[in-house]
Protein backbone atom coordinates (compact mmCIF):
# COMPACT_ATOMS: atom_id res chain seq x y z
CA MET A 1 -84.72 -145.95 -50.70
CA GLN A 2 -83.78 -146.17 -47.06
CA PHE A 3 -82.10 -149.31 -45.74
CA LEU A 4 -82.70 -150.33 -42.13
CA CYS A 5 -80.83 -152.69 -39.86
CA PRO A 6 -83.00 -155.80 -39.43
CA HIS A 7 -81.91 -156.09 -35.79
CA CYS A 8 -82.52 -152.58 -34.42
CA GLN A 9 -84.29 -150.81 -37.32
CA ALA A 10 -81.66 -148.03 -37.38
CA PRO A 11 -80.88 -146.50 -40.78
CA ILE A 12 -77.87 -147.98 -42.54
CA TYR A 13 -75.81 -144.93 -43.48
CA SER A 14 -73.09 -146.82 -45.34
CA ARG A 15 -73.74 -150.04 -47.20
CA LYS A 16 -69.97 -150.55 -47.38
CA GLN A 17 -69.82 -151.40 -43.66
CA LYS A 18 -70.56 -154.97 -42.66
CA ILE A 19 -71.89 -154.16 -39.20
CA CYS A 20 -74.61 -151.81 -37.97
CA GLY A 21 -73.24 -148.58 -36.56
CA VAL A 22 -75.87 -148.61 -33.80
CA CYS A 23 -76.27 -152.18 -32.53
CA GLU A 24 -72.98 -153.49 -33.99
CA LYS A 25 -74.59 -156.68 -35.28
CA SER A 26 -73.68 -158.12 -38.68
CA LEU A 27 -75.75 -156.88 -41.59
CA PRO A 28 -77.09 -159.42 -44.08
CA PRO A 29 -75.27 -159.53 -47.44
CA GLU A 30 -78.37 -158.44 -49.38
CA LEU A 31 -78.21 -155.05 -47.65
CA LEU A 32 -74.52 -154.52 -48.43
CA LEU A 33 -72.81 -153.29 -51.57
CA SER A 34 -70.85 -155.93 -53.43
CA GLU A 35 -67.07 -155.67 -53.73
CA LYS A 36 -67.58 -154.82 -57.41
CA GLN A 37 -69.98 -151.99 -56.55
CA ILE A 38 -67.55 -150.64 -53.96
CA ALA A 39 -64.72 -150.71 -56.53
CA ILE A 40 -66.86 -148.81 -59.05
CA LEU A 41 -67.72 -146.15 -56.47
CA LYS A 42 -64.05 -145.81 -55.48
CA LYS A 43 -63.05 -145.32 -59.11
CA GLN A 44 -65.77 -142.69 -59.59
CA ASP A 45 -64.58 -140.85 -56.47
CA GLU A 46 -61.01 -140.86 -57.76
CA GLN A 47 -62.14 -139.50 -61.14
CA MET A 48 -64.14 -136.72 -59.48
CA GLU A 49 -61.18 -135.75 -57.28
CA LYS A 50 -58.95 -135.62 -60.35
CA ARG A 51 -61.43 -133.39 -62.21
CA ALA A 52 -61.79 -131.11 -59.19
CA LYS A 53 -58.01 -130.66 -59.04
CA GLU A 54 -57.91 -129.87 -62.77
CA PHE A 55 -60.44 -127.06 -62.31
CA GLN A 56 -58.98 -125.74 -59.06
CA LEU A 57 -57.82 -122.14 -59.31
CA PRO A 58 -54.17 -121.48 -58.55
CA ASP A 59 -53.40 -119.88 -55.21
CA SER A 60 -53.51 -116.10 -55.35
CA ASP A 61 -53.34 -113.11 -53.04
CA TYR A 62 -56.71 -111.85 -54.27
CA GLY A 63 -58.78 -110.76 -51.29
CA SER A 64 -56.11 -111.56 -48.73
CA ASP A 65 -55.22 -107.94 -47.96
CA VAL A 66 -58.27 -106.16 -46.60
CA SER A 67 -56.37 -103.71 -44.38
CA GLY A 68 -57.08 -100.78 -46.72
CA ILE A 69 -60.85 -101.28 -46.53
CA VAL A 70 -62.67 -99.10 -44.04
C-alpha cells in the first residue's frame, strides 16, 4: 500500500516522519506510525543487527594479495 501526502500527493517514504518531505506540511496522525509501532521496528532492527554481527566472518587476508595473479 502506498501512502500519499494529502496536501501535495507525494509518496510518504517514511511514516515515522511527522512532516511531508516534499511540501513540508504536517501529516495527519492516521498516516503515521504510532510510537509503539516505531519502538517495535527499532527493536526488530536492533535484533537483526545483532544477528548479522553474530554471523559475520572474521577479518582475513583471503583474496587481499592478488599480485601473483597474471
